[in-house]
PDB file of N, CA and C in Angstrom:
ATOM      1  N   MET A   1       0.851  -1.160   0.000  1.00  0.00           N
ATOM      2  CA  MET A   1       0.000   0.000   0.000  1.00  0.00           C
ATOM      3  C   MET A   1       0.903   1.230   0.000  1.00  0.00           C
ATOM      4  N   ALA A   2       0.567   2.187  -0.826  1.00  0.00           N
ATOM      5  CA  ALA A   2       1.308   3.450  -0.886  1.00  0.00           C
ATOM      6  C   ALA A   2       0.345   4.560  -0.506  1.00  0.00           C
ATOM      7  N   GLY A   3       0.569   5.156   0.645  1.00  0.00           N
ATOM      8  CA  GLY A   3      -0.390   6.145   1.105  1.00  0.00           C
ATOM      9  C   GLY A   3      -1.686   5.459   1.446  1.00  0.00           C
ATOM     10  N   LYS A   4      -2.722   5.762   0.691  1.00  0.00           N
ATOM     11  CA  LYS A   4      -4.035   5.156   0.938  1.00  0.00           C
ATOM     12  C   LYS A   4      -4.505   4.302  -0.221  1.00  0.00           C
ATOM     13  N   ARG A   5      -3.577   3.856  -1.063  1.00  0.00           N
ATOM     14  CA  ARG A   5      -3.987   3.007  -2.178  1.00  0.00           C
ATOM     15  C   ARG A   5      -3.063   1.794  -2.282  1.00  0.00           C
ATOM     16  N   TYR A   6      -3.627   0.706  -2.745  1.00  0.00           N
ATOM     17  CA  TYR A   6      -2.835  -0.485  -3.000  1.00  0.00           C
ATOM     18  C   TYR A   6      -2.148  -0.332  -4.345  1.00  0.00           C
ATOM     19  N   LEU A   7      -0.961  -0.914  -4.459  1.00  0.00           N
ATOM     20  CA  LEU A   7      -0.193  -0.824  -5.693  1.00  0.00           C
ATOM     21  C   LEU A   7      -0.596  -1.913  -6.677  1.00  0.00           C
ATOM     22  N   ASP A   8      -0.589  -1.572  -7.963  1.00  0.00           N
ATOM     23  CA  ASP A   8      -0.767  -2.577  -9.000  1.00  0.00           C
ATOM     24  C   ASP A   8       0.433  -3.525  -8.950  1.00  0.00           C
ATOM     25  N   HIS A   9       0.306  -4.670  -9.567  1.00  0.00           N
ATOM     26  CA  HIS A   9       1.339  -5.709  -9.515  1.00  0.00           C
ATOM     27  C   HIS A   9       2.724  -5.188  -9.887  1.00  0.00           C
ATOM     28  N   ASP A  10       2.850  -4.544 -11.038  1.00  0.00           N
ATOM     29  CA  ASP A  10       4.171  -4.082 -11.488  1.00  0.00           C
ATOM     30  C   ASP A  10       4.752  -3.024 -10.555  1.00  0.00           C
ATOM     31  N   GLU A  11       3.916  -2.120 -10.057  1.00  0.00           N
ATOM     32  CA  GLU A  11       4.379  -1.103  -9.103  1.00  0.00           C
ATOM     33  C   GLU A  11       4.867  -1.764  -7.814  1.00  0.00           C
ATOM     34  N   LEU A  12       4.119  -2.743  -7.343  1.00  0.00           N
ATOM     35  CA  LEU A  12       4.484  -3.435  -6.112  1.00  0.00           C
ATOM     36  C   LEU A  12       5.820  -4.137  -6.273  1.00  0.00           C
ATOM     37  N   ARG A  13       5.985  -4.894  -7.349  1.00  0.00           N
ATOM     38  CA  ARG A  13       7.241  -5.630  -7.574  1.00  0.00           C
ATOM     39  C   ARG A  13       8.428  -4.662  -7.677  1.00  0.00           C
ATOM     40  N   ALA A  14       8.246  -3.540  -8.373  1.00  0.00           N
ATOM     41  CA  ALA A  14       9.323  -2.559  -8.519  1.00  0.00           C
ATOM     42  C   ALA A  14       9.681  -1.929  -7.170  1.00  0.00           C
ATOM     43  N   THR A  15       8.671  -1.625  -6.379  1.00  0.00           N
ATOM     44  CA  THR A  15       8.913  -1.019  -5.065  1.00  0.00           C
ATOM     45  C   THR A  15       9.627  -1.994  -4.138  1.00  0.00           C
ATOM     46  N   LEU A  16       9.193  -3.240  -4.124  1.00  0.00           N
ATOM     47  CA  LEU A  16       9.851  -4.245  -3.295  1.00  0.00           C
ATOM     48  C   LEU A  16      11.309  -4.427  -3.719  1.00  0.00           C
ATOM     49  N   ALA A  17      11.560  -4.479  -5.020  1.00  0.00           N
ATOM     50  CA  ALA A  17      12.923  -4.634  -5.528  1.00  0.00           C
ATOM     51  C   ALA A  17      13.784  -3.419  -5.163  1.00  0.00           C
ATOM     52  N   ARG A  18      13.219  -2.243  -5.274  1.00  0.00           N
ATOM     53  CA  ARG A  18      13.963  -1.004  -4.978  1.00  0.00           C
ATOM     54  C   ARG A  18      14.473  -0.987  -3.540  1.00  0.00           C
ATOM     55  N   PHE A  19      13.684  -1.534  -2.628  1.00  0.00           N
ATOM     56  CA  PHE A  19      14.081  -1.543  -1.222  1.00  0.00           C
ATOM     57  C   PHE A  19      14.600  -2.909  -0.759  1.00  0.00           C
ATOM     58  N   SER A  20      14.859  -3.802  -1.716  1.00  0.00           N
ATOM     59  CA  SER A  20      15.380  -5.155  -1.430  1.00  0.00           C
ATOM     60  C   SER A  20      14.516  -5.920  -0.430  1.00  0.00           C
ATOM     61  N   VAL A  21      13.212  -5.803  -0.610  1.00  0.00           N
ATOM     62  CA  VAL A  21      12.268  -6.523   0.244  1.00  0.00           C
ATOM     63  C   VAL A  21      11.856  -7.805  -0.482  1.00  0.00           C
ATOM     64  N   PRO A  22      12.083  -8.963   0.130  1.00  0.00           N
ATOM     65  CA  PRO A  22      11.695 -10.212  -0.535  1.00  0.00           C
ATOM     66  C   PRO A  22      10.173 -10.351  -0.580  1.00  0.00           C
ATOM     67  N   SER A  23       9.708 -11.090  -1.545  1.00  0.00           N
ATOM     68  CA  SER A  23       8.272 -11.347  -1.656  1.00  0.00           C
ATOM     69  C   SER A  23       8.059 -12.789  -2.093  1.00  0.00           C
ATOM     70  N   VAL A  24       6.826 -13.204  -2.007  1.00  0.00           N
ATOM     71  CA  VAL A  24       6.506 -14.571  -2.418  1.00  0.00           C
ATOM     72  C   VAL A  24       6.699 -14.704  -3.927  1.00  0.00           C
ATOM     73  N   PRO A  25       6.986 -15.909  -4.411  1.00  0.00           N
ATOM     74  CA  PRO A  25       7.168 -16.089  -5.847  1.00  0.00           C
ATOM     75  C   PRO A  25       5.843 -15.997  -6.597  1.00  0.00           C
ATOM     76  N   VAL A  26       5.912 -15.514  -7.822  1.00  0.00           N
ATOM     77  CA  VAL A  26       4.749 -15.529  -8.716  1.00  0.00           C
ATOM     78  C   VAL A  26       4.787 -16.874  -9.421  1.00  0.00           C
ATOM     79  N   LEU A  27       3.781 -17.703  -9.180  1.00  0.00           N
ATOM     80  CA  LEU A  27       3.754 -19.047  -9.762  1.00  0.00           C
ATOM     81  C   LEU A  27       3.192 -19.057 -11.166  1.00  0.00           C
ATOM     82  N   TRP A  28       2.303 -18.109 -11.456  1.00  0.00           N
ATOM     83  CA  TRP A  28       1.687 -18.047 -12.785  1.00  0.00           C
ATOM     84  C   TRP A  28       1.074 -16.677 -12.956  1.00  0.00           C
ATOM     85  N   GLN A  29       1.103 -16.182 -14.187  1.00  0.00           N
ATOM     86  CA  GLN A  29       0.488 -14.897 -14.501  1.00  0.00           C
ATOM     87  C   GLN A  29      -0.213 -15.025 -15.839  1.00  0.00           C
ATOM     88  N   GLY A  30      -1.488 -14.698 -15.867  1.00  0.00           N
ATOM     89  CA  GLY A  30      -2.264 -14.796 -17.092  1.00  0.00           C
ATOM     90  C   GLY A  30      -3.739 -14.667 -16.797  1.00  0.00           C
ATOM     91  N   PRO A  31      -4.581 -14.914 -17.795  1.00  0.00           N
ATOM     92  CA  PRO A  31      -6.030 -14.807 -17.584  1.00  0.00           C
ATOM     93  C   PRO A  31      -6.503 -15.777 -16.507  1.00  0.00           C
ATOM     94  N   PHE A  32      -7.521 -15.368 -15.754  1.00  0.00           N
ATOM     95  CA  PHE A  32      -8.026 -16.219 -14.683  1.00  0.00           C
ATOM     96  C   PHE A  32      -8.611 -17.505 -15.225  1.00  0.00           C
ATOM     97  N   SER A  33      -8.250 -18.594 -14.572  1.00  0.00           N
ATOM     98  CA  SER A  33      -8.786 -19.919 -14.880  1.00  0.00           C
ATOM     99  C   SER A  33      -8.786 -20.712 -13.582  1.00  0.00           C
ATOM    100  N   LEU A  34      -9.942 -21.178 -13.148  1.00  0.00           N
ATOM    101  CA  LEU A  34     -10.015 -21.958 -11.916  1.00  0.00           C
ATOM    102  C   LEU A  34      -9.156 -23.210 -12.020  1.00  0.00           C
ATOM    103  N   ALA A  35      -9.114 -23.835 -13.177  1.00  0.00           N
ATOM    104  CA  ALA A  35      -8.299 -25.039 -13.360  1.00  0.00           C
ATOM    105  C   ALA A  35      -6.814 -24.738 -13.134  1.00  0.00           C
ATOM    106  N   VAL A  36      -6.347 -23.604 -13.613  1.00  0.00           N
ATOM    107  CA  VAL A  36      -4.937 -23.215 -13.429  1.00  0.00           C
ATOM    108  C   VAL A  36      -4.670 -22.899 -11.957  1.00  0.00           C
ATOM    109  N   VAL A  37      -5.609 -22.227 -11.303  1.00  0.00           N
ATOM    110  CA  VAL A  37      -5.463 -21.921  -9.878  1.00  0.00           C
ATOM    111  C   VAL A  37      -5.356 -23.233  -9.089  1.00  0.00           C
ATOM    112  N   GLN A  38      -6.237 -24.173  -9.355  1.00  0.00           N
ATOM    113  CA  GLN A  38      -6.222 -25.456  -8.654  1.00  0.00           C
ATOM    114  C   GLN A  38      -4.917 -26.206  -8.905  1.00  0.00           C
ATOM    115  N   GLU A  39      -4.426 -26.151 -10.128  1.00  0.00           N
ATOM    116  CA  GLU A  39      -3.171 -26.828 -10.478  1.00  0.00           C
ATOM    117  C   GLU A  39      -2.002 -26.250  -9.668  1.00  0.00           C
ATOM    118  N   HIS A  40      -1.950 -24.940  -9.540  1.00  0.00           N
ATOM    119  CA  HIS A  40      -0.843 -24.305  -8.825  1.00  0.00           C
ATOM    120  C   HIS A  40      -1.003 -24.334  -7.308  1.00  0.00           C
ATOM    121  N   ALA A  41      -2.191 -24.645  -6.825  1.00  0.00           N
ATOM    122  CA  ALA A  41      -2.433 -24.693  -5.381  1.00  0.00           C
ATOM    123  C   ALA A  41      -1.995 -26.020  -4.771  1.00  0.00           C
ATOM    124  N   THR A  42      -1.707 -27.005  -5.587  1.00  0.00           N
ATOM    125  CA  THR A  42      -1.351 -28.328  -5.079  1.00  0.00           C
ATOM    126  C   THR A  42       0.146 -28.575  -5.204  1.00  0.00           C
ATOM    127  N   GLY A  43       0.620 -29.561  -4.462  1.00  0.00           N
ATOM    128  CA  GLY A  43       2.022 -29.942  -4.543  1.00  0.00           C
ATOM    129  C   GLY A  43       2.810 -29.466  -3.342  1.00  0.00           C
ATOM    130  N   LYS A  44       4.109 -29.498  -3.487  1.00  0.00           N
ATOM    131  CA  LYS A  44       5.009 -29.071  -2.418  1.00  0.00           C
ATOM    132  C   LYS A  44       5.115 -27.551  -2.417  1.00  0.00           C
ATOM    133  N   THR A  45       5.344 -26.992  -1.239  1.00  0.00           N
ATOM    134  CA  THR A  45       5.518 -25.552  -1.140  1.00  0.00           C
ATOM    135  C   THR A  45       6.753 -25.113  -1.920  1.00  0.00           C
ATOM    136  N   SER A  46       6.754 -23.894  -2.408  1.00  0.00           N
ATOM    137  CA  SER A  46       7.907 -23.401  -3.160  1.00  0.00           C
ATOM    138  C   SER A  46       9.031 -22.927  -2.240  1.00  0.00           C
ATOM    139  N   PHE A  47       8.801 -22.947  -0.922  1.00  0.00           N
ATOM    140  CA  PHE A  47       9.815 -22.526   0.037  1.00  0.00           C
ATOM    141  C   PHE A  47      10.609 -23.687   0.617  1.00  0.00           C
ATOM    142  N   ASP A  48       9.952 -24.811   0.842  1.00  0.00           N
ATOM    143  CA  ASP A  48      10.576 -25.948   1.513  1.00  0.00           C
ATOM    144  C   ASP A  48       9.859 -27.203   1.028  1.00  0.00           C
ATOM    145  N   ASP A  49      10.541 -28.043   0.280  1.00  0.00           N
ATOM    146  CA  ASP A  49       9.848 -29.176  -0.345  1.00  0.00           C
ATOM    147  C   ASP A  49       9.448 -30.284   0.633  1.00  0.00           C
ATOM    148  N   ARG A  50       9.628 -30.069   1.937  1.00  0.00           N
ATOM    149  CA  ARG A  50       9.188 -31.061   2.923  1.00  0.00           C
ATOM    150  C   ARG A  50       7.720 -30.876   3.289  1.00  0.00           C
ATOM    151  N   HIS A  51       7.116 -29.764   2.877  1.00  0.00           N
ATOM    152  CA  HIS A  51       5.747 -29.456   3.270  1.00  0.00           C
ATOM    153  C   HIS A  51       4.851 -29.290   2.044  1.00  0.00           C
ATOM    154  N   ILE A  52       3.569 -29.538   2.237  1.00  0.00           N
ATOM    155  CA  ILE A  52       2.627 -29.328   1.138  1.00  0.00           C
ATOM    156  C   ILE A  52       2.317 -27.840   1.018  1.00  0.00           C
ATOM    157  N   ARG A  53       1.896 -27.450  -0.155  1.00  0.00           N
ATOM    158  CA  ARG A  53       1.511 -26.060  -0.387  1.00  0.00           C
ATOM    159  C   ARG A  53       0.151 -25.816   0.247  1.00  0.00           C
ATOM    160  N   GLU A  54       0.049 -24.735   0.995  1.00  0.00           N
ATOM    161  CA  GLU A  54      -1.218 -24.388   1.655  1.00  0.00           C
ATOM    162  C   GLU A  54      -2.258 -23.961   0.633  1.00  0.00           C
ATOM    163  N   GLY A  55      -1.838 -23.279  -0.374  1.00  0.00           N
ATOM    164  CA  GLY A  55      -2.738 -22.769  -1.409  1.00  0.00           C
ATOM    165  C   GLY A  55      -2.049 -21.646  -2.164  1.00  0.00           C
ATOM    166  N   VAL A  56      -2.834 -20.838  -2.830  1.00  0.00           N
ATOM    167  CA  VAL A  56      -2.279 -19.714  -3.585  1.00  0.00           C
ATOM    168  C   VAL A  56      -3.149 -18.478  -3.394  1.00  0.00           C
ATOM    169  N   VAL A  57      -2.520 -17.321  -3.537  1.00  0.00           N
ATOM    170  CA  VAL A  57      -3.234 -16.050  -3.509  1.00  0.00           C
ATOM    171  C   VAL A  57      -3.432 -15.619  -4.954  1.00  0.00           C
ATOM    172  N   VAL A  58      -4.649 -15.206  -5.260  1.00  0.00           N
ATOM    173  CA  VAL A  58      -4.992 -14.772  -6.613  1.00  0.00           C
ATOM    174  C   VAL A  58      -5.356 -13.296  -6.538  1.00  0.00           C
ATOM    175  N   ARG A  59      -4.640 -12.496  -7.339  1.00  0.00           N
ATOM    176  CA  ARG A  59      -4.949 -11.067  -7.366  1.00  0.00           C
ATOM    177  C   ARG A  59      -4.797 -10.551  -8.790  1.00  0.00           C
ATOM    178  N   PRO A  60      -5.557  -9.526  -9.138  1.00  0.00           N
ATOM    179  CA  PRO A  60      -5.462  -8.972 -10.491  1.00  0.00           C
ATOM    180  C   PRO A  60      -4.178  -8.153 -10.665  1.00  0.00           C
ATOM    181  N   LEU A  61      -3.756  -7.972 -11.903  1.00  0.00           N
ATOM    182  CA  LEU A  61      -2.577  -7.148 -12.175  1.00  0.00           C
ATOM    183  C   LEU A  61      -2.827  -5.688 -11.814  1.00  0.00           C
ATOM    184  N   HIS A  62      -4.067  -5.250 -11.996  1.00  0.00           N
ATOM    185  CA  HIS A  62      -4.449  -3.881 -11.678  1.00  0.00           C
ATOM    186  C   HIS A  62      -5.466  -3.926 -10.542  1.00  0.00           C
ATOM    187  N   GLU A  63      -5.139  -3.237  -9.460  1.00  0.00           N
ATOM    188  CA  GLU A  63      -6.002  -3.235  -8.283  1.00  0.00           C
ATOM    189  C   GLU A  63      -7.412  -2.795  -8.650  1.00  0.00           C
ATOM    190  N   ARG A  64      -8.391  -3.487  -8.066  1.00  0.00           N
ATOM    191  CA  ARG A  64      -9.780  -3.115  -8.281  1.00  0.00           C
ATOM    192  C   ARG A  64     -10.611  -3.598  -7.110  1.00  0.00           C
ATOM    193  N   THR A  65     -11.826  -3.088  -7.026  1.00  0.00           N
ATOM    194  CA  THR A  65     -12.732  -3.508  -5.971  1.00  0.00           C
ATOM    195  C   THR A  65     -14.018  -4.038  -6.586  1.00  0.00           C
ATOM    196  N   ASP A  66     -14.731  -4.788  -5.780  1.00  0.00           N
ATOM    197  CA  ASP A  66     -16.018  -5.339  -6.165  1.00  0.00           C
ATOM    198  C   ASP A  66     -16.982  -4.983  -5.044  1.00  0.00           C
ATOM    199  N   PRO A  67     -18.206  -4.564  -5.359  1.00  0.00           N
ATOM    200  CA  PRO A  67     -19.123  -4.156  -4.291  1.00  0.00           C
ATOM    201  C   PRO A  67     -19.432  -5.270  -3.277  1.00  0.00           C
ATOM    202  N   ARG A  68     -19.317  -6.527  -3.681  1.00  0.00           N
ATOM    203  CA  ARG A  68     -19.631  -7.637  -2.766  1.00  0.00           C
ATOM    204  C   ARG A  68     -18.483  -7.980  -1.823  1.00  0.00           C
ATOM    205  N   ILE A  69     -17.250  -7.872  -2.310  1.00  0.00           N
ATOM    206  CA  ILE A  69     -16.106  -8.327  -1.504  1.00  0.00           C
ATOM    207  C   ILE A  69     -15.077  -7.227  -1.236  1.00  0.00           C
ATOM    208  N   GLU A  70     -15.299  -6.044  -1.749  1.00  0.00           N
ATOM    209  CA  GLU A  70     -14.369  -4.921  -1.653  1.00  0.00           C
ATOM    210  C   GLU A  70     -13.112  -5.207  -2.470  1.00  0.00           C
ATOM    211  N   ARG A  71     -11.934  -5.218  -1.862  1.00  0.00           N
ATOM    212  CA  ARG A  71     -10.694  -5.420  -2.631  1.00  0.00           C
ATOM    213  C   ARG A  71     -10.682  -6.821  -3.231  1.00  0.00           C
ATOM    214  N   VAL A  72     -10.349  -6.900  -4.517  1.00  0.00           N
ATOM    215  CA  VAL A  72     -10.344  -8.180  -5.223  1.00  0.00           C
ATOM    216  C   VAL A  72      -8.992  -8.857  -5.040  1.00  0.00           C
ATOM    217  N   VAL A  73      -8.915  -9.677  -4.000  1.00  0.00           N
ATOM    218  CA  VAL A  73      -7.765 -10.532  -3.715  1.00  0.00           C
ATOM    219  C   VAL A  73      -8.341 -11.755  -3.020  1.00  0.00           C
ATOM    220  N   MET A  74      -8.034 -12.915  -3.534  1.00  0.00           N
ATOM    221  CA  MET A  74      -8.590 -14.145  -2.975  1.00  0.00           C
ATOM    222  C   MET A  74      -7.476 -15.143  -2.662  1.00  0.00           C
ATOM    223  N   LYS A  75      -7.734 -15.999  -1.703  1.00  0.00           N
ATOM    224  CA  LYS A  75      -6.817 -17.091  -1.403  1.00  0.00           C
ATOM    225  C   LYS A  75      -7.560 -18.397  -1.651  1.00  0.00           C
ATOM    226  N   TYR A  76      -6.957 -19.247  -2.459  1.00  0.00           N
ATOM    227  CA  TYR A  76      -7.517 -20.563  -2.742  1.00  0.00           C
ATOM    228  C   TYR A  76      -6.729 -21.568  -1.913  1.00  0.00           C
ATOM    229  N   LEU A  77      -7.392 -22.254  -1.001  1.00  0.00           N
ATOM    230  CA  LEU A  77      -6.730 -23.246  -0.168  1.00  0.00           C
ATOM    231  C   LEU A  77      -6.791 -24.610  -0.838  1.00  0.00           C
ATOM    232  N   ALA A  78      -5.663 -25.295  -0.837  1.00  0.00           N
ATOM    233  CA  ALA A  78      -5.562 -26.610  -1.464  1.00  0.00           C
ATOM    234  C   ALA A  78      -6.335 -27.652  -0.665  1.00  0.00           C
ATOM    235  N   ASP A  79      -6.949 -28.592  -1.364  1.00  0.00           N
ATOM    236  CA  ASP A  79      -7.689 -29.671  -0.703  1.00  0.00           C
ATOM    237  C   ASP A  79      -6.798 -30.449   0.258  1.00  0.00           C
ATOM    238  N   ALA A  80      -5.576 -30.766  -0.155  1.00  0.00           N
ATOM    239  CA  ALA A  80      -4.670 -31.551   0.692  1.00  0.00           C
ATOM    240  C   ALA A  80      -4.385 -30.807   1.993  1.00  0.00           C
ATOM    241  N   TYR A  81      -4.261 -29.506   1.927  1.00  0.00           N
ATOM    242  CA  TYR A  81      -4.029 -28.706   3.135  1.00  0.00           C
ATOM    243  C   TYR A  81      -5.265 -28.738   4.035  1.00  0.00           C
ATOM    244  N   LEU A  82      -6.432 -28.552   3.439  1.00  0.00           N
ATOM    245  CA  LEU A  82      -7.661 -28.538   4.229  1.00  0.00           C
ATOM    246  C   LEU A  82      -7.960 -29.888   4.878  1.00  0.00           C
ATOM    247  N   LEU A  83      -7.541 -30.971   4.221  1.00  0.00           N
ATOM    248  CA  LEU A  83      -7.828 -32.322   4.724  1.00  0.00           C
ATOM    249  C   LEU A  83      -6.711 -32.906   5.582  1.00  0.00           C
ATOM    250  N   ASP A  84      -5.628 -32.175   5.774  1.00  0.00           N
ATOM    251  CA  ASP A  84      -4.489 -32.652   6.559  1.00  0.00           C
ATOM    252  C   ASP A  84      -4.886 -32.730   8.038  1.00  0.00           C
ATOM    253  N   GLU A  85      -4.913 -33.930   8.565  1.00  0.00           N
ATOM    254  CA  GLU A  85      -5.338 -34.124   9.953  1.00  0.00           C
ATOM    255  C   GLU A  85      -4.345 -33.543  10.954  1.00  0.00           C
ATOM    256  N   LYS A  86      -3.087 -33.361  10.546  1.00  0.00           N
ATOM    257  CA  LYS A  86      -2.078 -32.813  11.451  1.00  0.00           C
ATOM    258  C   LYS A  86      -2.184 -31.295  11.553  1.00  0.00           C
ATOM    259  N   ARG A  87      -2.887 -30.663  10.629  1.00  0.00           N
ATOM    260  CA  ARG A  87      -3.034 -29.209  10.620  1.00  0.00           C
ATOM    261  C   ARG A  87      -4.100 -28.825  11.629  1.00  0.00           C
ATOM    262  N   SER A  88      -3.825 -27.804  12.381  1.00  0.00           N
ATOM    263  CA  SER A  88      -4.808 -27.317  13.346  1.00  0.00           C
ATOM    264  C   SER A  88      -4.674 -25.813  13.519  1.00  0.00           C
ATOM    265  N   ASP A  89      -5.789 -25.139  13.624  1.00  0.00           N
ATOM    266  CA  ASP A  89      -5.779 -23.714  13.889  1.00  0.00           C
ATOM    267  C   ASP A  89      -5.729 -23.445  15.391  1.00  0.00           C
ATOM    268  N   PHE A  90      -5.696 -24.515  16.178  1.00  0.00           N
ATOM    269  CA  PHE A  90      -5.721 -24.379  17.626  1.00  0.00           C
ATOM    270  C   PHE A  90      -4.477 -25.025  18.211  1.00  0.00           C
ATOM    271  N   THR A  91      -3.983 -24.467  19.276  1.00  0.00           N
ATOM    272  CA  THR A  91      -2.839 -25.069  19.974  1.00  0.00           C
ATOM    273  C   THR A  91      -3.264 -25.354  21.408  1.00  0.00           C
ATOM    274  N   GLU A  92      -2.681 -26.413  21.962  1.00  0.00           N
ATOM    275  CA  GLU A  92      -2.975 -26.753  23.344  1.00  0.00           C
ATOM    276  C   GLU A  92      -2.111 -25.917  24.256  1.00  0.00           C
ATOM    277  N   SER A  93      -2.667 -25.512  25.400  1.00  0.00           N
ATOM    278  CA  SER A  93      -1.905 -24.696  26.361  1.00  0.00           C
ATOM    279  C   SER A  93      -1.061 -25.577  27.232  1.00  0.00           C
TER     280      SER A  93
END
């Protein structure tokens, strides 16, 4: 975010590079396709091949809003991640 606006994809990447801030890898860029999103949401994580990929974040190249959801940015969670019995959002005290 710059001031009070979110940056478009190219602006964001340039700004992060300018200040040497690491960011997540871009796995795919192109027209939206649910099949492509599902394909990239599965498999091993791109950070450490010992773990499954949690999912992927989908965002447009140019920031926009939708009256139903506001900012158009979505996260698609992989089935394997959702069904992993070892995964828990809760920790024991």
